[in-house]
């Protein structure tokens, strides 16, 4: 997993449900095998097509800068899971 010089993770994600924006918390990491573990991550920045944006909508693929504790290793096949205010899962 790529990190920046300040220790933040840089990940490419596809949001399947829900919307992400800077400040959204990610509460779980789901491994490729389906096992979930708790995490405490916060989205800090979002890029789409090399341009910084404020919101990543469902079904969009973007690059996130996240900080916090992933509760273990983050791999390319890891799925980040969070909740918005309406409790819609983010994956």
PDB file of N, CA and C in Angstrom:
ATOM      1  N   UNK A   1       0.843  -1.169   0.000  1.00  0.00           N
ATOM      2  CA  UNK A   1       0.000   0.000   0.000  1.00  0.00           C
ATOM      3  C   UNK A   1       0.891   1.236   0.000  1.00  0.00           C
ATOM      4  N   UNK A   2       0.568   2.180  -0.815  1.00  0.00           N
ATOM      5  CA  UNK A   2       1.365   3.400  -0.941  1.00  0.00           C
ATOM      6  C   UNK A   2       1.049   4.364   0.206  1.00  0.00           C
ATOM      7  N   UNK A   3       2.085   5.019   0.718  1.00  0.00           N
ATOM      8  CA  UNK A   3       1.896   6.062   1.721  1.00  0.00           C
ATOM      9  C   UNK A   3       2.596   7.333   1.249  1.00  0.00           C
ATOM     10  N   UNK A   4       2.177   8.458   1.809  1.00  0.00           N
ATOM     11  CA  UNK A   4       2.857   9.709   1.472  1.00  0.00           C
ATOM     12  C   UNK A   4       3.934   9.981   2.517  1.00  0.00           C
ATOM     13  N   UNK A   5       4.650  11.072   2.391  1.00  0.00           N
ATOM     14  CA  UNK A   5       5.740  11.393   3.298  1.00  0.00           C
ATOM     15  C   UNK A   5       5.307  11.685   4.719  1.00  0.00           C
ATOM     16  N   UNK A   6       4.018  11.856   4.948  1.00  0.00           N
ATOM     17  CA  UNK A   6       3.498  12.159   6.284  1.00  0.00           C
ATOM     18  C   UNK A   6       2.846  10.952   6.940  1.00  0.00           C
ATOM     19  N   UNK A   7       2.963   9.776   6.328  1.00  0.00           N
ATOM     20  CA  UNK A   7       2.413   8.561   6.911  1.00  0.00           C
ATOM     21  C   UNK A   7       0.967   8.275   6.580  1.00  0.00           C
ATOM     22  N   UNK A   8       0.350   9.073   5.717  1.00  0.00           N
ATOM     23  CA  UNK A   8      -1.034   8.812   5.313  1.00  0.00           C
ATOM     24  C   UNK A   8      -1.037   7.753   4.215  1.00  0.00           C
ATOM     25  N   UNK A   9      -2.107   6.986   4.140  1.00  0.00           N
ATOM     26  CA  UNK A   9      -2.268   5.983   3.095  1.00  0.00           C
ATOM     27  C   UNK A   9      -2.864   6.633   1.861  1.00  0.00           C
ATOM     28  N   UNK A  10      -2.390   6.226   0.693  1.00  0.00           N
ATOM     29  CA  UNK A  10      -2.959   6.673  -0.574  1.00  0.00           C
ATOM     30  C   UNK A  10      -3.548   5.442  -1.239  1.00  0.00           C
ATOM     31  N   UNK A  11      -4.869   5.400  -1.380  1.00  0.00           N
ATOM     32  CA  UNK A  11      -5.543   4.219  -1.900  1.00  0.00           C
ATOM     33  C   UNK A  11      -6.464   4.598  -3.046  1.00  0.00           C
ATOM     34  N   UNK A  12      -6.641   3.657  -3.952  1.00  0.00           N
ATOM     35  CA  UNK A  12      -7.609   3.828  -5.032  1.00  0.00           C
ATOM     36  C   UNK A  12      -8.830   3.004  -4.661  1.00  0.00           C
ATOM     37  N   UNK A  13     -10.001   3.622  -4.674  1.00  0.00           N
ATOM     38  CA  UNK A  13     -11.224   2.943  -4.259  1.00  0.00           C
ATOM     39  C   UNK A  13     -12.326   3.154  -5.280  1.00  0.00           C
ATOM     40  N   UNK A  14     -13.284   2.269  -5.225  1.00  0.00           N
ATOM     41  CA  UNK A  14     -14.528   2.449  -5.957  1.00  0.00           C
ATOM     42  C   UNK A  14     -15.636   2.432  -4.925  1.00  0.00           C
ATOM     43  N   UNK A  15     -16.376   3.508  -4.841  1.00  0.00           N
ATOM     44  CA  UNK A  15     -17.463   3.559  -3.864  1.00  0.00           C
ATOM     45  C   UNK A  15     -18.667   2.846  -4.464  1.00  0.00           C
ATOM     46  N   UNK A  16     -19.087   1.759  -3.846  1.00  0.00           N
ATOM     47  CA  UNK A  16     -20.202   0.976  -4.370  1.00  0.00           C
ATOM     48  C   UNK A  16     -21.537   1.510  -3.883  1.00  0.00           C
ATOM     49  N   UNK A  17     -21.565   1.962  -2.620  1.00  0.00           N
ATOM     50  CA  UNK A  17     -22.774   2.553  -2.045  1.00  0.00           C
ATOM     51  C   UNK A  17     -22.342   3.714  -1.180  1.00  0.00           C
ATOM     52  N   UNK A  18     -23.144   4.731  -1.157  1.00  0.00           N
ATOM     53  CA  UNK A  18     -22.816   5.881  -0.335  1.00  0.00           C
ATOM     54  C   UNK A  18     -21.876   6.839  -1.043  1.00  0.00           C
ATOM     55  N   UNK A  19     -21.532   7.894  -0.363  1.00  0.00           N
ATOM     56  CA  UNK A  19     -20.698   8.959  -0.897  1.00  0.00           C
ATOM     57  C   UNK A  19     -19.601   9.249   0.111  1.00  0.00           C
ATOM     58  N   UNK A  20     -18.402   9.562  -0.359  1.00  0.00           N
ATOM     59  CA  UNK A  20     -17.318   9.932   0.550  1.00  0.00           C
ATOM     60  C   UNK A  20     -16.894  11.365   0.286  1.00  0.00           C
ATOM     61  N   UNK A  21     -16.452  12.021   1.337  1.00  0.00           N
ATOM     62  CA  UNK A  21     -15.951  13.390   1.256  1.00  0.00           C
ATOM     63  C   UNK A  21     -14.917  13.549   2.358  1.00  0.00           C
ATOM     64  N   UNK A  22     -14.070  14.584   2.295  1.00  0.00           N
ATOM     65  CA  UNK A  22     -13.089  14.787   3.354  1.00  0.00           C
ATOM     66  C   UNK A  22     -13.770  14.887   4.719  1.00  0.00           C
ATOM     67  N   UNK A  23     -13.245  14.133   5.668  1.00  0.00           N
ATOM     68  CA  UNK A  23     -13.797  14.105   7.016  1.00  0.00           C
ATOM     69  C   UNK A  23     -14.623  12.869   7.313  1.00  0.00           C
ATOM     70  N   UNK A  24     -15.034  12.116   6.292  1.00  0.00           N
ATOM     71  CA  UNK A  24     -15.820  10.894   6.505  1.00  0.00           C
ATOM     72  C   UNK A  24     -14.956   9.848   7.205  1.00  0.00           C
ATOM     73  N   UNK A  25     -15.537   9.169   8.179  1.00  0.00           N
ATOM     74  CA  UNK A  25     -14.856   8.104   8.909  1.00  0.00           C
ATOM     75  C   UNK A  25     -15.089   6.766   8.221  1.00  0.00           C
ATOM     76  N   UNK A  26     -14.053   5.948   8.194  1.00  0.00           N
ATOM     77  CA  UNK A  26     -14.130   4.580   7.689  1.00  0.00           C
ATOM     78  C   UNK A  26     -13.916   3.668   8.889  1.00  0.00           C
ATOM     79  N   UNK A  27     -14.871   2.769   9.140  1.00  0.00           N
ATOM     80  CA  UNK A  27     -14.888   2.019  10.390  1.00  0.00           C
ATOM     81  C   UNK A  27     -14.427   0.575  10.291  1.00  0.00           C
ATOM     82  N   UNK A  28     -14.335   0.032   9.084  1.00  0.00           N
ATOM     83  CA  UNK A  28     -13.940  -1.364   8.925  1.00  0.00           C
ATOM     84  C   UNK A  28     -13.081  -1.527   7.684  1.00  0.00           C
ATOM     85  N   UNK A  29     -12.270  -2.580   7.705  1.00  0.00           N
ATOM     86  CA  UNK A  29     -11.540  -3.019   6.524  1.00  0.00           C
ATOM     87  C   UNK A  29     -11.976  -4.453   6.263  1.00  0.00           C
ATOM     88  N   UNK A  30     -12.408  -4.736   5.055  1.00  0.00           N
ATOM     89  CA  UNK A  30     -12.812  -6.083   4.658  1.00  0.00           C
ATOM     90  C   UNK A  30     -11.748  -6.642   3.717  1.00  0.00           C
ATOM     91  N   UNK A  31     -11.168  -7.775   4.094  1.00  0.00           N
ATOM     92  CA  UNK A  31     -10.143  -8.418   3.273  1.00  0.00           C
ATOM     93  C   UNK A  31     -10.785  -9.152   2.103  1.00  0.00           C
ATOM     94  N   UNK A  32      -9.981  -9.568   1.141  1.00  0.00           N
ATOM     95  CA  UNK A  32     -10.482 -10.269  -0.044  1.00  0.00           C
ATOM     96  C   UNK A  32     -11.243 -11.537   0.343  1.00  0.00           C
ATOM     97  N   UNK A  33     -10.828 -12.189   1.422  1.00  0.00           N
ATOM     98  CA  UNK A  33     -11.486 -13.419   1.872  1.00  0.00           C
ATOM     99  C   UNK A  33     -12.821 -13.148   2.555  1.00  0.00           C
ATOM    100  N   UNK A  34     -13.173 -11.876   2.753  1.00  0.00           N
ATOM    101  CA  UNK A  34     -14.450 -11.526   3.361  1.00  0.00           C
ATOM    102  C   UNK A  34     -14.379 -11.228   4.843  1.00  0.00           C
ATOM    103  N   UNK A  35     -13.234 -11.470   5.477  1.00  0.00           N
ATOM    104  CA  UNK A  35     -13.086 -11.202   6.905  1.00  0.00           C
ATOM    105  C   UNK A  35     -13.032  -9.695   7.135  1.00  0.00           C
ATOM    106  N   UNK A  36     -13.791  -9.215   8.132  1.00  0.00           N
ATOM    107  CA  UNK A  36     -13.810  -7.789   8.458  1.00  0.00           C
ATOM    108  C   UNK A  36     -13.119  -7.555   9.788  1.00  0.00           C
ATOM    109  N   UNK A  37     -12.474  -6.407   9.899  1.00  0.00           N
ATOM    110  CA  UNK A  37     -11.836  -6.025  11.162  1.00  0.00           C
ATOM    111  C   UNK A  37     -12.103  -4.544  11.403  1.00  0.00           C
ATOM    112  N   UNK A  38     -12.147  -4.125  12.660  1.00  0.00           N
ATOM    113  CA  UNK A  38     -12.382  -2.712  12.946  1.00  0.00           C
ATOM    114  C   UNK A  38     -11.205  -1.854  12.495  1.00  0.00           C
ATOM    115  N   UNK A  39     -11.507  -0.637  12.109  1.00  0.00           N
ATOM    116  CA  UNK A  39     -10.493   0.342  11.710  1.00  0.00           C
ATOM    117  C   UNK A  39     -10.958   1.711  12.188  1.00  0.00           C
ATOM    118  N   UNK A  40     -10.045   2.630  12.236  1.00  0.00           N
ATOM    119  CA  UNK A  40     -10.365   4.011  12.602  1.00  0.00           C
ATOM    120  C   UNK A  40      -9.637   4.912  11.613  1.00  0.00           C
ATOM    121  N   UNK A  41     -10.253   5.125  10.458  1.00  0.00           N
ATOM    122  CA  UNK A  41      -9.639   5.878   9.366  1.00  0.00           C
ATOM    123  C   UNK A  41     -10.491   7.091   9.020  1.00  0.00           C
ATOM    124  N   UNK A  42      -9.854   8.133   8.541  1.00  0.00           N
ATOM    125  CA  UNK A  42     -10.544   9.349   8.125  1.00  0.00           C
ATOM    126  C   UNK A  42     -10.082   9.730   6.731  1.00  0.00           C
ATOM    127  N   UNK A  43     -11.032  10.030   5.850  1.00  0.00           N
ATOM    128  CA  UNK A  43     -10.711  10.502   4.504  1.00  0.00           C
ATOM    129  C   UNK A  43     -10.229  11.946   4.620  1.00  0.00           C
ATOM    130  N   UNK A  44      -9.061  12.247   4.064  1.00  0.00           N
ATOM    131  CA  UNK A  44      -8.490  13.598   4.130  1.00  0.00           C
ATOM    132  C   UNK A  44      -8.581  14.343   2.805  1.00  0.00           C
ATOM    133  N   UNK A  45      -8.313  13.650   1.690  1.00  0.00           N
ATOM    134  CA  UNK A  45      -8.357  14.283   0.365  1.00  0.00           C
ATOM    135  C   UNK A  45      -8.853  13.256  -0.644  1.00  0.00           C
ATOM    136  N   UNK A  46      -9.441  13.748  -1.740  1.00  0.00           N
ATOM    137  CA  UNK A  46      -9.975  12.884  -2.798  1.00  0.00           C
ATOM    138  C   UNK A  46      -9.529  13.443  -4.145  1.00  0.00           C
ATOM    139  N   UNK A  47      -9.100  12.545  -5.023  1.00  0.00           N
ATOM    140  CA  UNK A  47      -8.753  12.935  -6.391  1.00  0.00           C
ATOM    141  C   UNK A  47      -9.533  12.084  -7.380  1.00  0.00           C
ATOM    142  N   UNK A  48      -9.940  12.692  -8.452  1.00  0.00           N
ATOM    143  CA  UNK A  48     -10.598  12.004  -9.561  1.00  0.00           C
ATOM    144  C   UNK A  48      -9.944  12.516 -10.835  1.00  0.00           C
ATOM    145  N   UNK A  49      -9.390  11.597 -11.622  1.00  0.00           N
ATOM    146  CA  UNK A  49      -8.671  11.984 -12.846  1.00  0.00           C
ATOM    147  C   UNK A  49      -7.609  13.045 -12.554  1.00  0.00           C
ATOM    148  N   UNK A  50      -6.824  12.842 -11.497  1.00  0.00           N
ATOM    149  CA  UNK A  50      -5.703  13.698 -11.097  1.00  0.00           C
ATOM    150  C   UNK A  50      -6.122  15.115 -10.698  1.00  0.00           C
ATOM    151  N   UNK A  51      -7.406  15.306 -10.412  1.00  0.00           N
ATOM    152  CA  UNK A  51      -7.905  16.603  -9.962  1.00  0.00           C
ATOM    153  C   UNK A  51      -8.523  16.435  -8.575  1.00  0.00           C
ATOM    154  N   UNK A  52      -8.183  17.312  -7.648  1.00  0.00           N
ATOM    155  CA  UNK A  52      -8.746  17.202  -6.303  1.00  0.00           C
ATOM    156  C   UNK A  52     -10.213  17.612  -6.323  1.00  0.00           C
ATOM    157  N   UNK A  53     -11.045  16.803  -5.663  1.00  0.00           N
ATOM    158  CA  UNK A  53     -12.482  17.060  -5.615  1.00  0.00           C
ATOM    159  C   UNK A  53     -12.955  17.008  -4.161  1.00  0.00           C
ATOM    160  N   UNK A  54     -14.198  17.460  -3.929  1.00  0.00           N
ATOM    161  CA  UNK A  54     -14.764  17.500  -2.578  1.00  0.00           C
ATOM    162  C   UNK A  54     -15.700  16.343  -2.273  1.00  0.00           C
ATOM    163  N   UNK A  55     -16.072  15.553  -3.281  1.00  0.00           N
ATOM    164  CA  UNK A  55     -17.084  14.519  -3.101  1.00  0.00           C
ATOM    165  C   UNK A  55     -16.861  13.415  -4.123  1.00  0.00           C
ATOM    166  N   UNK A  56     -16.942  12.164  -3.683  1.00  0.00           N
ATOM    167  CA  UNK A  56     -16.857  11.025  -4.595  1.00  0.00           C
ATOM    168  C   UNK A  56     -18.182  10.280  -4.505  1.00  0.00           C
ATOM    169  N   UNK A  57     -18.902  10.234  -5.606  1.00  0.00           N
ATOM    170  CA  UNK A  57     -20.257   9.683  -5.647  1.00  0.00           C
ATOM    171  C   UNK A  57     -20.248   8.171  -5.827  1.00  0.00           C
ATOM    172  N   UNK A  58     -21.382   7.512  -5.523  1.00  0.00           N
ATOM    173  CA  UNK A  58     -21.484   6.061  -5.692  1.00  0.00           C
ATOM    174  C   UNK A  58     -21.123   5.637  -7.112  1.00  0.00           C
ATOM    175  N   UNK A  59     -20.355   4.553  -7.210  1.00  0.00           N
ATOM    176  CA  UNK A  59     -19.964   4.007  -8.499  1.00  0.00           C
ATOM    177  C   UNK A  59     -18.744   4.657  -9.113  1.00  0.00           C
ATOM    178  N   UNK A  60     -18.233   5.727  -8.501  1.00  0.00           N
ATOM    179  CA  UNK A  60     -17.053   6.412  -9.027  1.00  0.00           C
ATOM    180  C   UNK A  60     -15.779   5.774  -8.481  1.00  0.00           C
ATOM    181  N   UNK A  61     -14.734   5.814  -9.271  1.00  0.00           N
ATOM    182  CA  UNK A  61     -13.430   5.343  -8.830  1.00  0.00           C
ATOM    183  C   UNK A  61     -12.547   6.555  -8.603  1.00  0.00           C
ATOM    184  N   UNK A  62     -11.908   6.631  -7.457  1.00  0.00           N
ATOM    185  CA  UNK A  62     -11.051   7.764  -7.147  1.00  0.00           C
ATOM    186  C   UNK A  62      -9.902   7.351  -6.258  1.00  0.00           C
ATOM    187  N   UNK A  63      -9.039   8.293  -5.984  1.00  0.00           N
ATOM    188  CA  UNK A  63      -7.886   8.070  -5.118  1.00  0.00           C
ATOM    189  C   UNK A  63      -8.121   8.852  -3.834  1.00  0.00           C
ATOM    190  N   UNK A  64      -7.927   8.187  -2.694  1.00  0.00           N
ATOM    191  CA  UNK A  64      -8.151   8.809  -1.394  1.00  0.00           C
ATOM    192  C   UNK A  64      -6.850   8.925  -0.619  1.00  0.00           C
ATOM    193  N   UNK A  65      -6.717  10.006   0.124  1.00  0.00           N
ATOM    194  CA  UNK A  65      -5.671  10.122   1.142  1.00  0.00           C
ATOM    195  C   UNK A  65      -6.387   9.918   2.467  1.00  0.00           C
ATOM    196  N   UNK A  66      -5.997   8.863   3.194  1.00  0.00           N
ATOM    197  CA  UNK A  66      -6.644   8.542   4.461  1.00  0.00           C
ATOM    198  C   UNK A  66      -5.597   8.476   5.565  1.00  0.00           C
ATOM    199  N   UNK A  67      -6.020   8.815   6.769  1.00  0.00           N
ATOM    200  CA  UNK A  67      -5.140   8.726   7.928  1.00  0.00           C
ATOM    201  C   UNK A  67      -5.842   7.919   9.009  1.00  0.00           C
ATOM    202  N   UNK A  68      -5.055   7.433   9.960  1.00  0.00           N
ATOM    203  CA  UNK A  68      -5.615   6.702  11.081  1.00  0.00           C
ATOM    204  C   UNK A  68      -5.060   5.300  11.181  1.00  0.00           C
ATOM    205  N   UNK A  69      -5.787   4.464  11.898  1.00  0.00           N
ATOM    206  CA  UNK A  69      -5.363   3.097  12.182  1.00  0.00           C
ATOM    207  C   UNK A  69      -6.195   2.116  11.371  1.00  0.00           C
ATOM    208  N   UNK A  70      -5.580   1.399  10.400  1.00  0.00           N
ATOM    209  CA  UNK A  70      -6.334   0.426   9.613  1.00  0.00           C
ATOM    210  C   UNK A  70      -6.563  -0.891  10.345  1.00  0.00           C
ATOM    211  N   UNK A  71      -6.026  -1.049  11.550  1.00  0.00           N
ATOM    212  CA  UNK A  71      -6.230  -2.276  12.310  1.00  0.00           C
ATOM    213  C   UNK A  71      -5.464  -3.462  11.761  1.00  0.00           C
ATOM    214  N   UNK A  72      -4.516  -3.228  10.895  1.00  0.00           N
ATOM    215  CA  UNK A  72      -3.717  -4.281  10.262  1.00  0.00           C
ATOM    216  C   UNK A  72      -3.249  -3.799   8.905  1.00  0.00           C
ATOM    217  N   UNK A  73      -2.846  -4.744   8.073  1.00  0.00           N
ATOM    218  CA  UNK A  73      -2.346  -4.384   6.750  1.00  0.00           C
ATOM    219  C   UNK A  73      -3.469  -3.967   5.817  1.00  0.00           C
ATOM    220  N   UNK A  74      -3.167  -3.015   4.946  1.00  0.00           N
ATOM    221  CA  UNK A  74      -4.059  -2.654   3.848  1.00  0.00           C
ATOM    222  C   UNK A  74      -3.438  -3.202   2.570  1.00  0.00           C
ATOM    223  N   UNK A  75      -4.200  -3.972   1.822  1.00  0.00           N
ATOM    224  CA  UNK A  75      -3.729  -4.525   0.562  1.00  0.00           C
ATOM    225  C   UNK A  75      -4.572  -3.959  -0.572  1.00  0.00           C
ATOM    226  N   UNK A  76      -4.132  -4.195  -1.801  1.00  0.00           N
ATOM    227  CA  UNK A  76      -4.876  -3.678  -2.952  1.00  0.00           C
ATOM    228  C   UNK A  76      -6.304  -4.196  -2.995  1.00  0.00           C
ATOM    229  N   UNK A  77      -6.523  -5.419  -2.477  1.00  0.00           N
ATOM    230  CA  UNK A  77      -7.859  -6.008  -2.528  1.00  0.00           C
ATOM    231  C   UNK A  77      -8.680  -5.734  -1.269  1.00  0.00           C
ATOM    232  N   UNK A  78      -8.161  -4.904  -0.358  1.00  0.00           N
ATOM    233  CA  UNK A  78      -8.921  -4.540   0.842  1.00  0.00           C
ATOM    234  C   UNK A  78     -10.070  -3.616   0.464  1.00  0.00           C
ATOM    235  N   UNK A  79     -11.179  -3.769   1.175  1.00  0.00           N
ATOM    236  CA  UNK A  79     -12.341  -2.906   0.979  1.00  0.00           C
ATOM    237  C   UNK A  79     -12.496  -2.063   2.231  1.00  0.00           C
ATOM    238  N   UNK A  80     -12.590  -0.750   2.060  1.00  0.00           N
ATOM    239  CA  UNK A  80     -12.785   0.160   3.180  1.00  0.00           C
ATOM    240  C   UNK A  80     -14.274   0.387   3.369  1.00  0.00           C
ATOM    241  N   UNK A  81     -14.748   0.258   4.609  1.00  0.00           N
ATOM    242  CA  UNK A  81     -16.174   0.353   4.892  1.00  0.00           C
ATOM    243  C   UNK A  81     -16.406   1.470   5.898  1.00  0.00           C
ATOM    244  N   UNK A  82     -17.387   2.314   5.629  1.00  0.00           N
ATOM    245  CA  UNK A  82     -17.727   3.384   6.552  1.00  0.00           C
ATOM    246  C   UNK A  82     -19.218   3.590   6.594  1.00  0.00           C
ATOM    247  N   UNK A  83     -19.641   4.588   7.316  1.00  0.00           N
ATOM    248  CA  UNK A  83     -21.065   4.923   7.415  1.00  0.00           C
ATOM    249  C   UNK A  83     -21.220   6.422   7.254  1.00  0.00           C
ATOM    250  N   UNK A  84     -22.213   6.822   6.480  1.00  0.00           N
ATOM    251  CA  UNK A  84     -22.539   8.235   6.381  1.00  0.00           C
ATOM    252  C   UNK A  84     -23.563   8.558   7.457  1.00  0.00           C
ATOM    253  N   UNK A  85     -24.014   9.783   7.523  1.00  0.00           N
ATOM    254  CA  UNK A  85     -24.996  10.175   8.536  1.00  0.00           C
ATOM    255  C   UNK A  85     -26.288   9.382   8.431  1.00  0.00           C
ATOM    256  N   UNK A  86     -26.642   8.939   7.217  1.00  0.00           N
ATOM    257  CA  UNK A  86     -27.867   8.149   7.066  1.00  0.00           C
ATOM    258  C   UNK A  86     -27.591   6.653   7.198  1.00  0.00           C
ATOM    259  N   UNK A  87     -26.399   6.296   7.680  1.00  0.00           N
ATOM    260  CA  UNK A  87     -25.998   4.917   7.925  1.00  0.00           C
ATOM    261  C   UNK A  87     -25.904   4.066   6.664  1.00  0.00           C
ATOM    262  N   UNK A  88     -25.771   4.664   5.502  1.00  0.00           N
ATOM    263  CA  UNK A  88     -25.564   3.889   4.279  1.00  0.00           C
ATOM    264  C   UNK A  88     -24.121   3.417   4.239  1.00  0.00           C
ATOM    265  N   UNK A  89     -23.882   2.114   4.013  1.00  0.00           N
ATOM    266  CA  UNK A  89     -22.504   1.621   3.995  1.00  0.00           C
ATOM    267  C   UNK A  89     -21.719   2.195   2.825  1.00  0.00           C
ATOM    268  N   UNK A  90     -20.453   2.444   3.044  1.00  0.00           N
ATOM    269  CA  UNK A  90     -19.519   2.848   1.991  1.00  0.00           C
ATOM    270  C   UNK A  90     -18.561   1.693   1.776  1.00  0.00           C
ATOM    271  N   UNK A  91     -18.373   1.285   0.562  1.00  0.00           N
ATOM    272  CA  UNK A  91     -17.404   0.219   0.297  1.00  0.00           C
ATOM    273  C   UNK A  91     -16.592   0.557  -0.906  1.00  0.00           C
TER     274      UNK A  91
END
